[in-house]
Amino acid sequence: MTHRYIEILHSRLCDAAAVYIQPGADREAYLDGLAATIREHSCEPFQISAEVTAPGFPDADIGTIQSGWCVAHDAGYWLVYQPERDRYCCFWGTDVTALGAPGIYGEPLYCWSA
């Protein structure tokens, strides 16, 4: 059975409104690739925390802790779902006990492309 946070993630992989597409790039191919990469690196959700780093979030001061459910990760890049805010954000770092949260948040395609 698929975890509900993964189901939510997959249902939101069509929202590309905030994703930057380089001029001349094949928009559809780029977005399909992002979605495929997220699916490939999705995981059984687990709780994870990170320290807010610059530039930060509008609702959290630098140095405070943000937490959520990791739904995908790859090479020091962590896609985190915060159900209480119904948003995704990025955590960065290779040591899961010392991650940073630089304030990238929004829909999963946007976060993964940042």
PDB file of N, CA and C in Angstrom:
ATOM      1  N   MET A   1       0.850  -1.183   0.000  1.00  0.00           N
ATOM      2  CA  MET A   1       0.000   0.000   0.000  1.00  0.00           C
ATOM      3  C   MET A   1       0.896   1.248   0.000  1.00  0.00           C
ATOM      4  N   THR A   2       0.546   2.208  -0.821  1.00  0.00           N
ATOM      5  CA  THR A   2       1.308   3.442  -0.935  1.00  0.00           C
ATOM      6  C   THR A   2       0.941   4.399   0.193  1.00  0.00           C
ATOM      7  N   HIS A   3       1.946   4.989   0.799  1.00  0.00           N
ATOM      8  CA  HIS A   3       1.735   5.960   1.868  1.00  0.00           C
ATOM      9  C   HIS A   3       0.970   7.165   1.302  1.00  0.00           C
ATOM     10  N   ARG A   4       0.096   7.732   2.091  1.00  0.00           N
ATOM     11  CA  ARG A   4      -0.743   8.837   1.596  1.00  0.00           C
ATOM     12  C   ARG A   4       0.084  10.059   1.190  1.00  0.00           C
ATOM     13  N   TYR A   5       1.239  10.294   1.829  1.00  0.00           N
ATOM     14  CA  TYR A   5       2.059  11.445   1.443  1.00  0.00           C
ATOM     15  C   TYR A   5       2.679  11.237   0.062  1.00  0.00           C
ATOM     16  N   ILE A   6       2.948   9.991  -0.304  1.00  0.00           N
ATOM     17  CA  ILE A   6       3.449   9.701  -1.647  1.00  0.00           C
ATOM     18  C   ILE A   6       2.313   9.863  -2.661  1.00  0.00           C
ATOM     19  N   GLU A   7       1.129   9.454  -2.300  1.00  0.00           N
ATOM     20  CA  GLU A   7      -0.027   9.661  -3.180  1.00  0.00           C
ATOM     21  C   GLU A   7      -0.252  11.153  -3.422  1.00  0.00           C
ATOM     22  N   ILE A   8      -0.160  11.958  -2.372  1.00  0.00           N
ATOM     23  CA  ILE A   8      -0.311  13.411  -2.506  1.00  0.00           C
ATOM     24  C   ILE A   8       0.789  13.957  -3.409  1.00  0.00           C
ATOM     25  N   LEU A   9       2.022  13.517  -3.175  1.00  0.00           N
ATOM     26  CA  LEU A   9       3.147  13.956  -4.001  1.00  0.00           C
ATOM     27  C   LEU A   9       2.880  13.675  -5.473  1.00  0.00           C
ATOM     28  N   HIS A  10       2.534  12.451  -5.806  1.00  0.00           N
ATOM     29  CA  HIS A  10       2.311  12.090  -7.208  1.00  0.00           C
ATOM     30  C   HIS A  10       1.150  12.875  -7.823  1.00  0.00           C
ATOM     31  N   SER A  11       0.148  13.170  -7.029  1.00  0.00           N
ATOM     32  CA  SER A  11      -0.998  13.936  -7.560  1.00  0.00           C
ATOM     33  C   SER A  11      -0.631  15.385  -7.852  1.00  0.00           C
ATOM     34  N   ARG A  12       0.458  15.869  -7.263  1.00  0.00           N
ATOM     35  CA  ARG A  12       0.824  17.275  -7.442  1.00  0.00           C
ATOM     36  C   ARG A  12       1.998  17.472  -8.398  1.00  0.00           C
ATOM     37  N   LEU A  13       2.403  16.427  -9.072  1.00  0.00           N
ATOM     38  CA  LEU A  13       3.513  16.535 -10.010  1.00  0.00           C
ATOM     39  C   LEU A  13       3.132  17.187 -11.334  1.00  0.00           C
ATOM     40  N   CYS A  14       1.931  17.674 -11.434  1.00  0.00           N
ATOM     41  CA  CYS A  14       1.509  18.366 -12.660  1.00  0.00           C
ATOM     42  C   CYS A  14       1.549  19.886 -12.506  1.00  0.00           C
ATOM     43  N   ASP A  15       1.770  20.383 -11.292  1.00  0.00           N
ATOM     44  CA  ASP A  15       1.792  21.829 -11.066  1.00  0.00           C
ATOM     45  C   ASP A  15       3.193  22.361 -11.332  1.00  0.00           C
ATOM     46  N   ALA A  16       3.343  22.991 -12.488  1.00  0.00           N
ATOM     47  CA  ALA A  16       4.650  23.505 -12.897  1.00  0.00           C
ATOM     48  C   ALA A  16       4.661  25.019 -13.019  1.00  0.00           C
ATOM     49  N   ALA A  17       3.680  25.671 -12.433  1.00  0.00           N
ATOM     50  CA  ALA A  17       3.524  27.122 -12.599  1.00  0.00           C
ATOM     51  C   ALA A  17       4.765  27.909 -12.219  1.00  0.00           C
ATOM     52  N   ALA A  18       5.481  27.507 -11.177  1.00  0.00           N
ATOM     53  CA  ALA A  18       6.619  28.295 -10.702  1.00  0.00           C
ATOM     54  C   ALA A  18       7.971  27.773 -11.190  1.00  0.00           C
ATOM     55  N   VAL A  19       7.962  26.733 -12.004  1.00  0.00           N
ATOM     56  CA  VAL A  19       9.216  26.137 -12.472  1.00  0.00           C
ATOM     57  C   VAL A  19       9.825  26.997 -13.571  1.00  0.00           C
ATOM     58  N   TYR A  20      11.096  27.339 -13.411  1.00  0.00           N
ATOM     59  CA  TYR A  20      11.812  28.105 -14.433  1.00  0.00           C
ATOM     60  C   TYR A  20      12.244  27.155 -15.549  1.00  0.00           C
ATOM     61  N   ILE A  21      11.922  27.532 -16.774  1.00  0.00           N
ATOM     62  CA  ILE A  21      12.323  26.771 -17.953  1.00  0.00           C
ATOM     63  C   ILE A  21      13.258  27.660 -18.766  1.00  0.00           C
ATOM     64  N   GLN A  22      14.456  27.184 -19.043  1.00  0.00           N
ATOM     65  CA  GLN A  22      15.405  27.980 -19.820  1.00  0.00           C
ATOM     66  C   GLN A  22      14.865  28.242 -21.218  1.00  0.00           C
ATOM     67  N   PRO A  23      15.127  29.436 -21.748  1.00  0.00           N
ATOM     68  CA  PRO A  23      14.697  29.736 -23.115  1.00  0.00           C
ATOM     69  C   PRO A  23      15.250  28.693 -24.085  1.00  0.00           C
ATOM     70  N   GLY A  24      14.385  28.247 -24.969  1.00  0.00           N
ATOM     71  CA  GLY A  24      14.785  27.265 -25.968  1.00  0.00           C
ATOM     72  C   GLY A  24      14.670  25.826 -25.517  1.00  0.00           C
ATOM     73  N   ALA A  25      14.447  25.607 -24.238  1.00  0.00           N
ATOM     74  CA  ALA A  25      14.322  24.240 -23.721  1.00  0.00           C
ATOM     75  C   ALA A  25      12.956  23.672 -24.083  1.00  0.00           C
ATOM     76  N   ASP A  26      12.897  22.378 -24.207  1.00  0.00           N
ATOM     77  CA  ASP A  26      11.639  21.671 -24.460  1.00  0.00           C
ATOM     78  C   ASP A  26      10.893  21.566 -23.130  1.00  0.00           C
ATOM     79  N   ARG A  27       9.895  22.428 -22.948  1.00  0.00           N
ATOM     80  CA  ARG A  27       9.174  22.536 -21.683  1.00  0.00           C
ATOM     81  C   ARG A  27       8.621  21.186 -21.226  1.00  0.00           C
ATOM     82  N   GLU A  28       7.916  20.514 -22.111  1.00  0.00           N
ATOM     83  CA  GLU A  28       7.276  19.260 -21.748  1.00  0.00           C
ATOM     84  C   GLU A  28       8.310  18.199 -21.352  1.00  0.00           C
ATOM     85  N   ALA A  29       9.387  18.098 -22.107  1.00  0.00           N
ATOM     86  CA  ALA A  29      10.426  17.111 -21.799  1.00  0.00           C
ATOM     87  C   ALA A  29      11.096  17.428 -20.457  1.00  0.00           C
ATOM     88  N   TYR A  30      11.358  18.707 -20.205  1.00  0.00           N
ATOM     89  CA  TYR A  30      11.992  19.100 -18.945  1.00  0.00           C
ATOM     90  C   TYR A  30      11.097  18.754 -17.757  1.00  0.00           C
ATOM     91  N   LEU A  31       9.830  19.109 -17.837  1.00  0.00           N
ATOM     92  CA  LEU A  31       8.902  18.840 -16.735  1.00  0.00           C
ATOM     93  C   LEU A  31       8.676  17.345 -16.546  1.00  0.00           C
ATOM     94  N   ASP A  32       8.582  16.612 -17.645  1.00  0.00           N
ATOM     95  CA  ASP A  32       8.441  15.154 -17.540  1.00  0.00           C
ATOM     96  C   ASP A  32       9.667  14.545 -16.870  1.00  0.00           C
ATOM     97  N   GLY A  33      10.837  15.071 -17.197  1.00  0.00           N
ATOM     98  CA  GLY A  33      12.069  14.584 -16.581  1.00  0.00           C
ATOM     99  C   GLY A  33      12.119  14.864 -15.093  1.00  0.00           C
ATOM    100  N   LEU A  34      11.691  16.064 -14.697  1.00  0.00           N
ATOM    101  CA  LEU A  34      11.642  16.395 -13.265  1.00  0.00           C
ATOM    102  C   LEU A  34      10.716  15.433 -12.523  1.00  0.00           C
ATOM    103  N   ALA A  35       9.528  15.234 -13.067  1.00  0.00           N
ATOM    104  CA  ALA A  35       8.549  14.350 -12.422  1.00  0.00           C
ATOM    105  C   ALA A  35       9.089  12.923 -12.334  1.00  0.00           C
ATOM    106  N   ALA A  36       9.726  12.454 -13.399  1.00  0.00           N
ATOM    107  CA  ALA A  36      10.283  11.099 -13.402  1.00  0.00           C
ATOM    108  C   ALA A  36      11.384  10.960 -12.356  1.00  0.00           C
ATOM    109  N   THR A  37      12.205  11.987 -12.216  1.00  0.00           N
ATOM    110  CA  THR A  37      13.289  11.948 -11.237  1.00  0.00           C
ATOM    111  C   THR A  37      12.735  11.931  -9.816  1.00  0.00           C
ATOM    112  N   ILE A  38      11.688  12.700  -9.578  1.00  0.00           N
ATOM    113  CA  ILE A  38      11.062  12.678  -8.247  1.00  0.00           C
ATOM    114  C   ILE A  38      10.507  11.286  -7.967  1.00  0.00           C
ATOM    115  N   ARG A  39       9.803  10.715  -8.948  1.00  0.00           N
ATOM    116  CA  ARG A  39       9.248   9.366  -8.739  1.00  0.00           C
ATOM    117  C   ARG A  39      10.365   8.354  -8.469  1.00  0.00           C
ATOM    118  N   GLU A  40      11.457   8.465  -9.231  1.00  0.00           N
ATOM    119  CA  GLU A  40      12.583   7.542  -9.086  1.00  0.00           C
ATOM    120  C   GLU A  40      13.213   7.625  -7.694  1.00  0.00           C
ATOM    121  N   HIS A  41      13.246   8.817  -7.126  1.00  0.00           N
ATOM    122  CA  HIS A  41      13.906   9.015  -5.834  1.00  0.00           C
ATOM    123  C   HIS A  41      12.935   9.149  -4.670  1.00  0.00           C
ATOM    124  N   SER A  42      11.654   8.873  -4.925  1.00  0.00           N
ATOM    125  CA  SER A  42      10.705   8.925  -3.809  1.00  0.00           C
ATOM    126  C   SER A  42      11.001   7.764  -2.864  1.00  0.00           C
ATOM    127  N   CYS A  43      10.589   7.933  -1.619  1.00  0.00           N
ATOM    128  CA  CYS A  43      10.907   6.951  -0.584  1.00  0.00           C
ATOM    129  C   CYS A  43       9.718   6.808   0.360  1.00  0.00           C
ATOM    130  N   GLU A  44       9.792   5.783   1.174  1.00  0.00           N
ATOM    131  CA  GLU A  44       8.807   5.661   2.246  1.00  0.00           C
ATOM    132  C   GLU A  44       8.993   6.890   3.131  1.00  0.00           C
ATOM    133  N   PRO A  45       7.959   7.699   3.323  1.00  0.00           N
ATOM    134  CA  PRO A  45       8.123   8.939   4.093  1.00  0.00           C
ATOM    135  C   PRO A  45       8.634   8.698   5.513  1.00  0.00           C
ATOM    136  N   PHE A  46       9.548   9.574   5.913  1.00  0.00           N
ATOM    137  CA  PHE A  46      10.068   9.548   7.274  1.00  0.00           C
ATOM    138  C   PHE A  46      10.270  10.979   7.728  1.00  0.00           C
ATOM    139  N   GLN A  47      10.166  11.183   9.040  1.00  0.00           N
ATOM    140  CA  GLN A  47      10.293  12.530   9.591  1.00  0.00           C
ATOM    141  C   GLN A  47      11.752  12.970   9.553  1.00  0.00           C
ATOM    142  N   ILE A  48      11.912  14.265   9.262  1.00  0.00           N
ATOM    143  CA  ILE A  48      13.240  14.841   9.104  1.00  0.00           C
ATOM    144  C   ILE A  48      13.180  16.306   9.519  1.00  0.00           C
ATOM    145  N   SER A  49      14.307  16.828  10.008  1.00  0.00           N
ATOM    146  CA  SER A  49      14.372  18.226  10.441  1.00  0.00           C
ATOM    147  C   SER A  49      15.615  18.885   9.872  1.00  0.00           C
ATOM    148  N   ALA A  50      15.567  20.216   9.785  1.00  0.00           N
ATOM    149  CA  ALA A  50      16.704  20.989   9.296  1.00  0.00           C
ATOM    150  C   ALA A  50      16.668  22.371   9.917  1.00  0.00           C
ATOM    151  N   GLU A  51      17.847  22.985   9.997  1.00  0.00           N
ATOM    152  CA  GLU A  51      17.960  24.348  10.497  1.00  0.00           C
ATOM    153  C   GLU A  51      17.726  25.327   9.351  1.00  0.00           C
ATOM    154  N   VAL A  52      16.908  26.330   9.587  1.00  0.00           N
ATOM    155  CA  VAL A  52      16.631  27.347   8.574  1.00  0.00           C
ATOM    156  C   VAL A  52      17.895  28.181   8.349  1.00  0.00           C
ATOM    157  N   THR A  53      18.288  28.280   7.080  1.00  0.00           N
ATOM    158  CA  THR A  53      19.448  29.065   6.674  1.00  0.00           C
ATOM    159  C   THR A  53      18.987  30.186   5.741  1.00  0.00           C
ATOM    160  N   ALA A  54      19.867  31.136   5.476  1.00  0.00           N
ATOM    161  CA  ALA A  54      19.534  32.259   4.591  1.00  0.00           C
ATOM    162  C   ALA A  54      19.230  31.734   3.193  1.00  0.00           C
ATOM    163  N   PRO A  55      18.254  32.310   2.525  1.00  0.00           N
ATOM    164  CA  PRO A  55      17.505  33.500   2.870  1.00  0.00           C
ATOM    165  C   PRO A  55      16.328  33.254   3.822  1.00  0.00           C
ATOM    166  N   GLY A  56      16.005  32.003   4.104  1.00  0.00           N
ATOM    167  CA  GLY A  56      14.975  31.696   5.093  1.00  0.00           C
ATOM    168  C   GLY A  56      13.566  31.660   4.545  1.00  0.00           C
ATOM    169  N   PHE A  57      12.639  31.333   5.414  1.00  0.00           N
ATOM    170  CA  PHE A  57      11.212  31.248   5.115  1.00  0.00           C
ATOM    171  C   PHE A  57      10.501  32.476   5.679  1.00  0.00           C
ATOM    172  N   PRO A  58       9.409  32.901   5.073  1.00  0.00           N
ATOM    173  CA  PRO A  58       8.687  34.048   5.627  1.00  0.00           C
ATOM    174  C   PRO A  58       8.045  33.750   6.986  1.00  0.00           C
ATOM    175  N   ASP A  59       7.850  32.466   7.286  1.00  0.00           N
ATOM    176  CA  ASP A  59       7.193  32.100   8.542  1.00  0.00           C
ATOM    177  C   ASP A  59       8.135  31.417   9.542  1.00  0.00           C
ATOM    178  N   ALA A  60       9.458  31.532   9.306  1.00  0.00           N
ATOM    179  CA  ALA A  60      10.417  30.913  10.234  1.00  0.00           C
ATOM    180  C   ALA A  60      11.729  31.701  10.211  1.00  0.00           C
ATOM    181  N   ASP A  61      12.221  32.022  11.375  1.00  0.00           N
ATOM    182  CA  ASP A  61      13.468  32.773  11.489  1.00  0.00           C
ATOM    183  C   ASP A  61      14.672  31.897  11.175  1.00  0.00           C
ATOM    184  N   ILE A  62      15.728  32.524  10.662  1.00  0.00           N
ATOM    185  CA  ILE A  62      16.982  31.821  10.423  1.00  0.00           C
ATOM    186  C   ILE A  62      17.483  31.280  11.758  1.00  0.00           C
ATOM    187  N   GLY A  63      17.919  30.027  11.731  1.00  0.00           N
ATOM    188  CA  GLY A  63      18.400  29.371  12.943  1.00  0.00           C
ATOM    189  C   GLY A  63      17.363  28.510  13.635  1.00  0.00           C
ATOM    190  N   THR A  64      16.086  28.683  13.274  1.00  0.00           N
ATOM    191  CA  THR A  64      15.049  27.829  13.863  1.00  0.00           C
ATOM    192  C   THR A  64      15.011  26.507  13.099  1.00  0.00           C
ATOM    193  N   ILE A  65      14.255  25.583  13.626  1.00  0.00           N
ATOM    194  CA  ILE A  65      14.175  24.251  13.033  1.00  0.00           C
ATOM    195  C   ILE A  65      12.848  24.087  12.296  1.00  0.00           C
ATOM    196  N   GLN A  66      12.939  23.581  11.080  1.00  0.00           N
ATOM    197  CA  GLN A  66      11.768  23.191  10.289  1.00  0.00           C
ATOM    198  C   GLN A  66      11.773  21.672  10.221  1.00  0.00           C
ATOM    199  N   SER A  67      10.607  21.087  10.182  1.00  0.00           N
ATOM    200  CA  SER A  67      10.541  19.637  10.054  1.00  0.00           C
ATOM    201  C   SER A  67       9.405  19.264   9.121  1.00  0.00           C
ATOM    202  N   GLY A  68       9.389  18.026   8.746  1.00  0.00           N
ATOM    203  CA  GLY A  68       8.363  17.505   7.855  1.00  0.00           C
ATOM    204  C   GLY A  68       8.663  16.062   7.523  1.00  0.00           C
ATOM    205  N   TRP A  69       8.070  15.601   6.448  1.00  0.00           N
ATOM    206  CA  TRP A  69       8.190  14.215   6.015  1.00  0.00           C
ATOM    207  C   TRP A  69       8.975  14.163   4.714  1.00  0.00           C
ATOM    208  N   CYS A  70      10.131  13.524   4.743  1.00  0.00           N
ATOM    209  CA  CYS A  70      10.914  13.352   3.522  1.00  0.00           C
ATOM    210  C   CYS A  70      10.154  12.393   2.607  1.00  0.00           C
ATOM    211  N   VAL A  71       9.912  12.830   1.375  1.00  0.00           N
ATOM    212  CA  VAL A  71       9.190  11.999   0.405  1.00  0.00           C
ATOM    213  C   VAL A  71      10.066  11.619  -0.786  1.00  0.00           C
ATOM    214  N   ALA A  72      11.220  12.285  -0.930  1.00  0.00           N
ATOM    215  CA  ALA A  72      12.188  11.943  -1.976  1.00  0.00           C
ATOM    216  C   ALA A  72      13.535  12.523  -1.578  1.00  0.00           C
ATOM    217  N   HIS A  73      14.595  11.825  -1.944  1.00  0.00           N
ATOM    218  CA  HIS A  73      15.926  12.378  -1.674  1.00  0.00           C
ATOM    219  C   HIS A  73      16.939  11.789  -2.646  1.00  0.00           C
ATOM    220  N   ASP A  74      17.977  12.591  -2.919  1.00  0.00           N
ATOM    221  CA  ASP A  74      19.042  12.170  -3.825  1.00  0.00           C
ATOM    222  C   ASP A  74      20.244  13.082  -3.639  1.00  0.00           C
ATOM    223  N   ALA A  75      21.387  12.498  -3.388  1.00  0.00           N
ATOM    224  CA  ALA A  75      22.667  13.208  -3.375  1.00  0.00           C
ATOM    225  C   ALA A  75      22.648  14.506  -2.566  1.00  0.00           C
ATOM    226  N   GLY A  76      22.159  14.437  -1.351  1.00  0.00           N
ATOM    227  CA  GLY A  76      22.154  15.610  -0.487  1.00  0.00           C
ATOM    228  C   GLY A  76      20.997  16.555  -0.688  1.00  0.00           C
ATOM    229  N   TYR A  77      20.017  16.140  -1.453  1.00  0.00           N
ATOM    230  CA  TYR A  77      18.853  16.961  -1.749  1.00  0.00           C
ATOM    231  C   TYR A  77      17.634  16.230  -1.217  1.00  0.00           C
ATOM    232  N   TRP A  78      16.844  16.883  -0.364  1.00  0.00           N
ATOM    233  CA  TRP A  78      15.739  16.248   0.352  1.00  0.00           C
ATOM    234  C   TRP A  78      14.451  17.010   0.061  1.00  0.00           C
ATOM    235  N   LEU A  79      13.464  16.342  -0.497  1.00  0.00           N
ATOM    236  CA  LEU A  79      12.151  16.941  -0.743  1.00  0.00           C
ATOM    237  C   LEU A  79      11.265  16.578   0.438  1.00  0.00           C
ATOM    238  N   VAL A  80      10.776  17.595   1.120  1.00  0.00           N
ATOM    239  CA  VAL A  80      10.072  17.405   2.387  1.00  0.00           C
ATOM    240  C   VAL A  80       8.659  17.957   2.285  1.00  0.00           C
ATOM    241  N   TYR A  81       7.700  17.147   2.726  1.00  0.00           N
ATOM    242  CA  TYR A  81       6.300  17.573   2.757  1.00  0.00           C
ATOM    243  C   TYR A  81       5.954  17.987   4.180  1.00  0.00           C
ATOM    244  N   GLN A  82       5.359  19.179   4.306  1.00  0.00           N
ATOM    245  CA  GLN A  82       4.898  19.682   5.596  1.00  0.00           C
ATOM    246  C   GLN A  82       3.370  19.698   5.556  1.00  0.00           C
ATOM    247  N   PRO A  83       2.739  18.629   6.047  1.00  0.00           N
ATOM    248  CA  PRO A  83       1.279  18.522   5.930  1.00  0.00           C
ATOM    249  C   PRO A  83       0.518  19.628   6.656  1.00  0.00           C
ATOM    250  N   GLU A  84       1.062  20.126   7.771  1.00  0.00           N
ATOM    251  CA  GLU A  84       0.365  21.181   8.511  1.00  0.00           C
ATOM    252  C   GLU A  84       0.300  22.472   7.710  1.00  0.00           C
ATOM    253  N   ARG A  85       1.210  22.666   6.757  1.00  0.00           N
ATOM    254  CA  ARG A  85       1.208  23.848   5.880  1.00  0.00           C
ATOM    255  C   ARG A  85       0.788  23.473   4.455  1.00  0.00           C
ATOM    256  N   ASP A  86       0.625  22.185   4.209  1.00  0.00           N
ATOM    257  CA  ASP A  86       0.330  21.637   2.888  1.00  0.00           C
ATOM    258  C   ASP A  86       1.280  22.216   1.838  1.00  0.00           C
ATOM    259  N   ARG A  87       2.585  22.124   2.143  1.00  0.00           N
ATOM    260  CA  ARG A  87       3.591  22.614   1.206  1.00  0.00           C
ATOM    261  C   ARG A  87       4.801  21.692   1.224  1.00  0.00           C
ATOM    262  N   TYR A  88       5.587  21.845   0.188  1.00  0.00           N
ATOM    263  CA  TYR A  88       6.851  21.130   0.065  1.00  0.00           C
ATOM    264  C   TYR A  88       7.975  22.125   0.281  1.00  0.00           C
ATOM    265  N   CYS A  89       9.098  21.637   0.755  1.00  0.00           N
ATOM    266  CA  CYS A  89      10.286  22.469   0.868  1.00  0.00           C
ATOM    267  C   CYS A  89      11.512  21.600   0.644  1.00  0.00           C
ATOM    268  N   CYS A  90      12.638  22.263   0.477  1.00  0.00           N
ATOM    269  CA  CYS A  90      13.901  21.571   0.240  1.00  0.00           C
ATOM    270  C   CYS A  90      14.785  21.665   1.461  1.00  0.00           C
ATOM    271  N   PHE A  91      15.393  20.557   1.799  1.00  0.00           N
ATOM    272  CA  PHE A  91      16.473  20.525   2.769  1.00  0.00           C
ATOM    273  C   PHE A  91      17.708  20.100   2.001  1.00  0.00           C
ATOM    274  N   TRP A  92      18.863  20.637   2.383  1.00  0.00           N
ATOM    275  CA  TRP A  92      20.115  20.307   1.711  1.00  0.00           C
ATOM    276  C   TRP A  92      21.141  19.827   2.708  1.00  0.00           C
ATOM    277  N   GLY A  93      21.988  18.909   2.260  1.00  0.00           N
ATOM    278  CA  GLY A  93      23.106  18.436   3.058  1.00  0.00           C
ATOM    279  C   GLY A  93      23.283  16.942   2.922  1.00  0.00           C
ATOM    280  N   THR A  94      24.485  16.481   3.232  1.00  0.00           N
ATOM    281  CA  THR A  94      24.768  15.052   3.120  1.00  0.00           C
ATOM    282  C   THR A  94      24.666  14.330   4.453  1.00  0.00           C
ATOM    283  N   ASP A  95      24.659  15.061   5.551  1.00  0.00           N
ATOM    284  CA  ASP A  95      24.523  14.476   6.884  1.00  0.00           C
ATOM    285  C   ASP A  95      23.091  14.717   7.359  1.00  0.00           C
ATOM    286  N   VAL A  96      22.300  13.655   7.403  1.00  0.00           N
ATOM    287  CA  VAL A  96      20.881  13.788   7.748  1.00  0.00           C
ATOM    288  C   VAL A  96      20.659  14.386   9.132  1.00  0.00           C
ATOM    289  N   THR A  97      21.685  14.398   9.963  1.00  0.00           N
ATOM    290  CA  THR A  97      21.549  14.984  11.296  1.00  0.00           C
ATOM    291  C   THR A  97      21.914  16.463  11.321  1.00  0.00           C
ATOM    292  N   ALA A  98      22.349  17.019  10.186  1.00  0.00           N
ATOM    293  CA  ALA A  98      22.769  18.427  10.152  1.00  0.00           C
ATOM    294  C   ALA A  98      22.395  19.063   8.810  1.00  0.00           C
ATOM    295  N   LEU A  99      21.108  19.030   8.484  1.00  0.00           N
ATOM    296  CA  LEU A  99      20.636  19.570   7.218  1.00  0.00           C
ATOM    297  C   LEU A  99      20.298  21.051   7.330  1.00  0.00           C
ATOM    298  N   GLY A 100      20.330  21.746   6.208  1.00  0.00           N
ATOM    299  CA  GLY A 100      19.923  23.140   6.130  1.00  0.00           C
ATOM    300  C   GLY A 100      18.649  23.270   5.325  1.00  0.00           C
ATOM    301  N   ALA A 101      17.848  24.251   5.676  1.00  0.00           N
ATOM    302  CA  ALA A 101      16.599  24.555   4.971  1.00  0.00           C
ATOM    303  C   ALA A 101      16.685  26.004   4.499  1.00  0.00           C
ATOM    304  N   PRO A 102      17.071  26.227   3.226  1.00  0.00           N
ATOM    305  CA  PRO A 102      17.332  27.588   2.760  1.00  0.00           C
ATOM    306  C   PRO A 102      16.100  28.411   2.393  1.00  0.00           C
ATOM    307  N   GLY A 103      14.930  27.873   2.590  1.00  0.00           N
ATOM    308  CA  GLY A 103      13.734  28.671   2.325  1.00  0.00           C
ATOM    309  C   GLY A 103      13.088  28.427   0.977  1.00  0.00           C
ATOM    310  N   ILE A 104      13.450  27.354   0.314  1.00  0.00           N
ATOM    311  CA  ILE A 104      12.811  26.994  -0.956  1.00  0.00           C
ATOM    312  C   ILE A 104      11.568  26.190  -0.623  1.00  0.00           C
ATOM    313  N   TYR A 105      10.424  26.696  -1.039  1.00  0.00           N
ATOM    314  CA  TYR A 105       9.179  25.993  -0.734  1.00  0.00           C
ATOM    315  C   TYR A 105       8.156  26.253  -1.834  1.00  0.00           C
ATOM    316  N   GLY A 106       7.180  25.366  -1.914  1.00  0.00           N
ATOM    317  CA  GLY A 106       6.133  25.481  -2.923  1.00  0.00           C
ATOM    318  C   GLY A 106       5.710  24.101  -3.374  1.00  0.00           C
ATOM    319  N   GLU A 107       5.429  23.964  -4.658  1.00  0.00           N
ATOM    320  CA  GLU A 107       5.022  22.678  -5.217  1.00  0.00           C
ATOM    321  C   GLU A 107       6.260  21.810  -5.477  1.00  0.00           C
ATOM    322  N   PRO A 108       6.075  20.483  -5.543  1.00  0.00           N
ATOM    323  CA  PRO A 108       7.233  19.597  -5.640  1.00  0.00           C
ATOM    324  C   PRO A 108       8.113  19.823  -6.877  1.00  0.00           C
ATOM    325  N   LEU A 109       7.536  20.057  -8.049  1.00  0.00           N
ATOM    326  CA  LEU A 109       8.366  20.279  -9.247  1.00  0.00           C
ATOM    327  C   LEU A 109       9.227  21.516  -9.080  1.00  0.00           C
ATOM    328  N   TYR A 110       8.660  22.568  -8.535  1.00  0.00           N
ATOM    329  CA  TYR A 110       9.434  23.802  -8.299  1.00  0.00           C
ATOM    330  C   TYR A 110      10.585  23.518  -7.332  1.00  0.00           C
ATOM    331  N   CYS A 111      10.284  22.891  -6.212  1.00  0.00           N
ATOM    332  CA  CYS A 111      11.313  22.621  -5.204  1.00  0.00           C
ATOM    333  C   CYS A 111      12.422  21.751  -5.778  1.00  0.00           C
ATOM    334  N   TRP A 112      12.063  20.704  -6.476  1.00  0.00           N
ATOM    335  CA  TRP A 112      13.063  19.779  -7.003  1.00  0.00           C
ATOM    336  C   TRP A 112      13.933  20.446  -8.062  1.00  0.00           C
ATOM    337  N   SER A 113      13.389  21.421  -8.751  1.00  0.00           N
ATOM    338  CA  SER A 113      14.147  22.097  -9.814  1.00  0.00           C
ATOM    339  C   SER A 113      15.040  23.223  -9.285  1.00  0.00           C
ATOM    340  N   ALA A 114      14.843  23.605  -8.030  1.00  0.00           N
ATOM    341  CA  ALA A 114      15.594  24.751  -7.470  1.00  0.00           C
ATOM    342  C   ALA A 114      17.068  24.433  -7.272  1.00  0.00           C
TER     343      ALA A 114
END
